[in-house]
N, C-alpha and C. Protein backbone atom coordinates (compact mmCIF):
# COMPACT_ATOMS: atom_id res chain seq x y z
N MET A 1 0.85 -1.18 0.00
CA MET A 1 0.00 0.00 0.00
C MET A 1 0.88 1.24 0.00
N ILE A 2 0.43 2.25 -0.74
CA ILE A 2 1.12 3.55 -0.77
C ILE A 2 0.11 4.62 -0.39
N THR A 3 0.50 5.51 0.50
CA THR A 3 -0.37 6.60 0.92
C THR A 3 0.23 7.91 0.45
N CYS A 4 -0.60 8.69 -0.21
CA CYS A 4 -0.21 10.02 -0.65
C CYS A 4 -0.67 11.01 0.41
N VAL A 5 0.26 11.78 0.91
CA VAL A 5 -0.04 12.84 1.87
C VAL A 5 0.15 14.16 1.12
N VAL A 6 -0.91 14.95 1.05
CA VAL A 6 -0.83 16.22 0.33
C VAL A 6 -0.90 17.35 1.36
N HIS A 7 0.13 18.19 1.36
CA HIS A 7 0.21 19.35 2.24
C HIS A 7 -0.21 20.56 1.42
N TYR A 8 -1.27 21.22 1.84
CA TYR A 8 -1.79 22.38 1.12
C TYR A 8 -1.54 23.67 1.89
N THR A 9 -1.23 24.72 1.17
CA THR A 9 -1.38 26.08 1.66
C THR A 9 -2.61 26.59 0.93
N ILE A 10 -3.61 27.00 1.70
CA ILE A 10 -4.88 27.40 1.11
C ILE A 10 -5.16 28.88 1.34
N ASN A 11 -6.08 29.40 0.56
CA ASN A 11 -6.55 30.77 0.74
C ASN A 11 -7.72 30.70 1.73
N PRO A 12 -7.54 31.20 2.96
CA PRO A 12 -8.61 31.10 3.96
C PRO A 12 -9.90 31.82 3.55
N GLN A 13 -9.80 32.75 2.61
CA GLN A 13 -10.99 33.45 2.12
C GLN A 13 -11.81 32.56 1.18
N GLN A 14 -11.23 31.44 0.76
CA GLN A 14 -11.88 30.54 -0.19
C GLN A 14 -12.10 29.14 0.39
N ILE A 15 -12.34 29.06 1.70
CA ILE A 15 -12.47 27.76 2.36
C ILE A 15 -13.66 26.97 1.81
N GLU A 16 -14.77 27.64 1.48
CA GLU A 16 -15.92 26.91 0.94
C GLU A 16 -15.58 26.30 -0.42
N ALA A 17 -14.84 27.02 -1.25
CA ALA A 17 -14.41 26.47 -2.54
C ALA A 17 -13.45 25.30 -2.30
N PHE A 18 -12.57 25.43 -1.31
CA PHE A 18 -11.65 24.32 -1.02
C PHE A 18 -12.44 23.08 -0.60
N GLU A 19 -13.49 23.26 0.18
CA GLU A 19 -14.31 22.12 0.59
C GLU A 19 -15.00 21.48 -0.60
N ARG A 20 -15.47 22.26 -1.57
CA ARG A 20 -16.07 21.70 -2.80
C ARG A 20 -15.01 20.91 -3.57
N PHE A 21 -13.83 21.49 -3.69
CA PHE A 21 -12.70 20.84 -4.35
C PHE A 21 -12.38 19.51 -3.65
N ALA A 22 -12.32 19.52 -2.33
CA ALA A 22 -11.99 18.33 -1.54
C ALA A 22 -13.04 17.23 -1.74
N HIS A 23 -14.31 17.59 -1.68
CA HIS A 23 -15.37 16.60 -1.88
C HIS A 23 -15.27 15.95 -3.26
N ALA A 24 -14.98 16.75 -4.27
CA ALA A 24 -14.85 16.22 -5.63
C ALA A 24 -13.70 15.21 -5.70
N TRP A 25 -12.55 15.53 -5.10
CA TRP A 25 -11.41 14.63 -5.17
C TRP A 25 -11.60 13.39 -4.31
N MET A 26 -12.28 13.51 -3.18
CA MET A 26 -12.55 12.32 -2.37
C MET A 26 -13.37 11.32 -3.19
N ARG A 27 -14.38 11.83 -3.90
CA ARG A 27 -15.22 10.97 -4.73
C ARG A 27 -14.40 10.33 -5.85
N LEU A 28 -13.52 11.09 -6.50
CA LEU A 28 -12.73 10.57 -7.61
C LEU A 28 -11.72 9.51 -7.15
N VAL A 29 -11.08 9.73 -6.03
CA VAL A 29 -10.13 8.73 -5.52
C VAL A 29 -10.86 7.42 -5.27
N THR A 30 -12.00 7.50 -4.61
CA THR A 30 -12.77 6.29 -4.31
C THR A 30 -13.25 5.62 -5.59
N LYS A 31 -13.77 6.40 -6.52
CA LYS A 31 -14.28 5.86 -7.78
C LYS A 31 -13.20 5.12 -8.57
N HIS A 32 -11.95 5.56 -8.43
CA HIS A 32 -10.87 4.98 -9.22
C HIS A 32 -9.96 4.06 -8.42
N GLY A 33 -10.51 3.45 -7.36
CA GLY A 33 -9.83 2.36 -6.67
C GLY A 33 -9.02 2.71 -5.45
N GLY A 34 -9.01 3.95 -5.05
CA GLY A 34 -8.26 4.34 -3.86
C GLY A 34 -9.15 4.39 -2.64
N VAL A 35 -8.52 4.63 -1.52
CA VAL A 35 -9.23 4.84 -0.25
C VAL A 35 -8.84 6.23 0.23
N HIS A 36 -9.82 7.11 0.33
CA HIS A 36 -9.52 8.46 0.82
C HIS A 36 -9.71 8.50 2.32
N HIS A 37 -8.72 9.01 3.03
CA HIS A 37 -8.76 9.07 4.48
C HIS A 37 -9.24 10.44 4.97
N GLY A 38 -9.54 11.32 4.04
CA GLY A 38 -10.12 12.61 4.38
C GLY A 38 -9.17 13.77 4.18
N TYR A 39 -9.78 14.93 4.24
CA TYR A 39 -9.07 16.21 4.25
C TYR A 39 -9.13 16.73 5.68
N PHE A 40 -8.08 17.38 6.09
CA PHE A 40 -7.99 17.93 7.44
C PHE A 40 -7.79 19.43 7.29
N LEU A 41 -8.80 20.18 7.75
CA LEU A 41 -8.85 21.62 7.53
C LEU A 41 -8.52 22.38 8.80
N PRO A 42 -8.16 23.65 8.67
CA PRO A 42 -7.81 24.43 9.85
C PRO A 42 -8.97 24.51 10.85
N ALA A 43 -8.62 24.40 12.12
CA ALA A 43 -9.61 24.57 13.18
C ALA A 43 -9.15 25.66 14.14
N GLU A 44 -7.91 25.59 14.57
CA GLU A 44 -7.31 26.59 15.44
C GLU A 44 -5.88 26.81 14.97
N GLY A 45 -5.31 27.92 15.33
CA GLY A 45 -3.93 28.19 14.94
C GLY A 45 -3.85 28.67 13.50
N ALA A 46 -2.82 28.22 12.79
CA ALA A 46 -2.60 28.65 11.40
C ALA A 46 -3.85 28.34 10.58
N SER A 47 -4.31 29.33 9.85
CA SER A 47 -5.56 29.17 9.11
C SER A 47 -5.35 28.91 7.63
N ASP A 48 -4.11 28.71 7.21
CA ASP A 48 -3.87 28.52 5.78
C ASP A 48 -3.25 27.16 5.45
N LYS A 49 -3.34 26.21 6.35
CA LYS A 49 -2.79 24.87 6.12
C LYS A 49 -3.91 23.84 6.11
N ALA A 50 -3.81 22.89 5.20
CA ALA A 50 -4.74 21.76 5.14
C ALA A 50 -3.95 20.54 4.68
N GLU A 51 -4.47 19.38 4.98
CA GLU A 51 -3.82 18.12 4.61
C GLU A 51 -4.84 17.17 4.02
N ALA A 52 -4.39 16.27 3.18
CA ALA A 52 -5.22 15.19 2.66
C ALA A 52 -4.39 13.92 2.65
N LEU A 53 -5.04 12.80 2.92
CA LEU A 53 -4.38 11.50 2.86
C LEU A 53 -5.27 10.54 2.10
N PHE A 54 -4.66 9.82 1.15
CA PHE A 54 -5.40 8.78 0.46
C PHE A 54 -4.42 7.69 0.04
N SER A 55 -4.94 6.48 -0.08
CA SER A 55 -4.09 5.33 -0.35
C SER A 55 -4.55 4.57 -1.59
N PHE A 56 -3.58 3.94 -2.24
CA PHE A 56 -3.81 3.00 -3.32
C PHE A 56 -3.04 1.74 -2.99
N GLU A 57 -3.43 0.64 -3.58
CA GLU A 57 -2.79 -0.65 -3.27
C GLU A 57 -1.31 -0.67 -3.64
N SER A 58 -0.94 0.16 -4.62
CA SER A 58 0.46 0.19 -5.07
C SER A 58 0.73 1.51 -5.79
N LEU A 59 2.00 1.79 -6.03
CA LEU A 59 2.36 2.97 -6.79
C LEU A 59 1.84 2.84 -8.23
N ALA A 60 1.83 1.63 -8.77
CA ALA A 60 1.29 1.41 -10.12
C ALA A 60 -0.20 1.75 -10.18
N ALA A 61 -0.96 1.38 -9.14
CA ALA A 61 -2.39 1.72 -9.10
C ALA A 61 -2.58 3.22 -9.02
N TYR A 62 -1.73 3.89 -8.25
CA TYR A 62 -1.78 5.36 -8.16
C TYR A 62 -1.48 5.97 -9.53
N GLU A 63 -0.50 5.44 -10.23
CA GLU A 63 -0.13 5.97 -11.55
C GLU A 63 -1.27 5.79 -12.56
N ARG A 64 -2.02 4.70 -12.47
CA ARG A 64 -3.18 4.52 -13.36
C ARG A 64 -4.22 5.60 -13.07
N TYR A 65 -4.43 5.90 -11.80
CA TYR A 65 -5.35 6.98 -11.39
C TYR A 65 -4.83 8.32 -11.93
N ARG A 66 -3.55 8.60 -11.76
CA ARG A 66 -2.95 9.87 -12.19
C ARG A 66 -2.99 10.05 -13.70
N ALA A 67 -3.02 8.95 -14.45
CA ALA A 67 -3.04 9.03 -15.91
C ALA A 67 -4.29 9.74 -16.43
N ARG A 68 -5.33 9.84 -15.62
CA ARG A 68 -6.58 10.48 -16.03
C ARG A 68 -6.52 12.01 -15.90
N PHE A 69 -5.54 12.52 -15.16
CA PHE A 69 -5.44 13.96 -14.94
C PHE A 69 -5.31 14.68 -16.28
N GLY A 70 -6.02 15.77 -16.42
CA GLY A 70 -5.90 16.61 -17.60
C GLY A 70 -6.73 16.17 -18.78
N SER A 71 -7.24 14.92 -18.77
CA SER A 71 -8.03 14.46 -19.91
C SER A 71 -9.43 13.99 -19.53
N ASP A 72 -9.58 13.34 -18.40
CA ASP A 72 -10.89 12.87 -17.95
C ASP A 72 -11.74 14.07 -17.53
N PRO A 73 -12.95 14.21 -18.07
CA PRO A 73 -13.78 15.39 -17.77
C PRO A 73 -14.07 15.60 -16.29
N GLU A 74 -14.22 14.51 -15.52
CA GLU A 74 -14.47 14.67 -14.08
C GLU A 74 -13.25 15.24 -13.35
N PHE A 75 -12.08 14.81 -13.75
CA PHE A 75 -10.86 15.31 -13.14
C PHE A 75 -10.65 16.78 -13.51
N VAL A 76 -10.91 17.11 -14.77
CA VAL A 76 -10.78 18.49 -15.23
C VAL A 76 -11.76 19.40 -14.47
N ALA A 77 -12.98 18.93 -14.27
CA ALA A 77 -13.98 19.73 -13.54
C ALA A 77 -13.55 19.97 -12.09
N ALA A 78 -12.98 18.96 -11.46
CA ALA A 78 -12.51 19.12 -10.08
C ALA A 78 -11.38 20.15 -10.02
N ASP A 79 -10.47 20.09 -10.98
CA ASP A 79 -9.38 21.07 -11.01
C ASP A 79 -9.89 22.48 -11.28
N ARG A 80 -10.97 22.61 -12.04
CA ARG A 80 -11.54 23.94 -12.31
C ARG A 80 -12.00 24.63 -11.02
N ILE A 81 -12.48 23.84 -10.06
CA ILE A 81 -12.88 24.43 -8.77
C ILE A 81 -11.67 25.11 -8.15
N ARG A 82 -10.56 24.38 -8.12
CA ARG A 82 -9.32 24.92 -7.54
C ARG A 82 -8.82 26.13 -8.32
N ASP A 83 -8.73 25.97 -9.64
CA ASP A 83 -8.15 27.01 -10.47
C ASP A 83 -9.03 28.26 -10.54
N GLY A 84 -10.34 28.05 -10.61
CA GLY A 84 -11.26 29.18 -10.73
C GLY A 84 -11.41 29.99 -9.46
N SER A 85 -11.25 29.34 -8.32
CA SER A 85 -11.46 30.03 -7.04
C SER A 85 -10.17 30.54 -6.42
N GLY A 86 -9.05 29.94 -6.78
CA GLY A 86 -7.79 30.29 -6.13
C GLY A 86 -7.71 29.78 -4.70
N CYS A 87 -8.48 28.72 -4.40
CA CYS A 87 -8.52 28.20 -3.03
C CYS A 87 -7.22 27.53 -2.61
N VAL A 88 -6.44 27.03 -3.57
CA VAL A 88 -5.15 26.41 -3.27
C VAL A 88 -4.05 27.34 -3.73
N VAL A 89 -3.21 27.74 -2.79
CA VAL A 89 -2.08 28.61 -3.09
C VAL A 89 -0.90 27.76 -3.56
N ARG A 90 -0.70 26.62 -2.87
CA ARG A 90 0.43 25.74 -3.16
C ARG A 90 0.13 24.37 -2.55
N TYR A 91 0.71 23.34 -3.13
CA TYR A 91 0.59 22.02 -2.52
C TYR A 91 1.84 21.20 -2.80
N GLU A 92 2.04 20.21 -1.96
CA GLU A 92 3.20 19.33 -2.07
C GLU A 92 2.75 17.92 -1.73
N ARG A 93 3.13 16.95 -2.56
CA ARG A 93 2.77 15.55 -2.32
C ARG A 93 3.96 14.80 -1.77
N THR A 94 3.68 13.93 -0.81
CA THR A 94 4.67 13.03 -0.25
C THR A 94 4.06 11.63 -0.26
N PHE A 95 4.83 10.64 -0.65
CA PHE A 95 4.34 9.26 -0.65
C PHE A 95 4.94 8.52 0.54
N MET A 96 4.07 7.86 1.25
CA MET A 96 4.49 7.16 2.46
C MET A 96 3.89 5.76 2.47
N ARG A 97 4.47 4.90 3.27
CA ARG A 97 3.88 3.58 3.47
C ARG A 97 3.39 3.53 4.91
N PRO A 98 2.13 3.20 5.09
CA PRO A 98 1.60 3.22 6.45
C PRO A 98 2.08 2.05 7.29
N LEU A 99 2.30 2.32 8.54
CA LEU A 99 2.53 1.30 9.56
C LEU A 99 1.30 1.36 10.46
N LEU A 100 0.45 0.37 10.35
CA LEU A 100 -0.84 0.39 11.03
C LEU A 100 -0.81 -0.48 12.29
N PRO A 101 -1.66 -0.16 13.26
CA PRO A 101 -1.69 -0.99 14.47
C PRO A 101 -2.13 -2.41 14.12
N SER A 102 -1.56 -3.37 14.78
CA SER A 102 -1.98 -4.76 14.55
C SER A 102 -3.08 -5.12 15.53
N ASP A 103 -3.84 -6.12 15.15
CA ASP A 103 -4.97 -6.53 16.02
C ASP A 103 -4.51 -7.26 17.26
């Protein structure tokens, strides 16, 4: 399993647009074989940071999902939310392998 951790710097004036963007991507990750662990939005303290975590069974499965970027109409529509609103200032992806508690 590979987990993508996305660190966002967001525009706090566009939090509602960011939430629409997040809901769209959660649906797309799930639709295309991943497991979305959610977006984590500011509650207290710094108001311009957000995180997202989602997993795929392998890096190859993630790459199949990524191959749709820029061409699949649903992916393009989700990106339009981000691009049209300016809700995301910057983002950075990190790939990690989870170490989960055992039963």
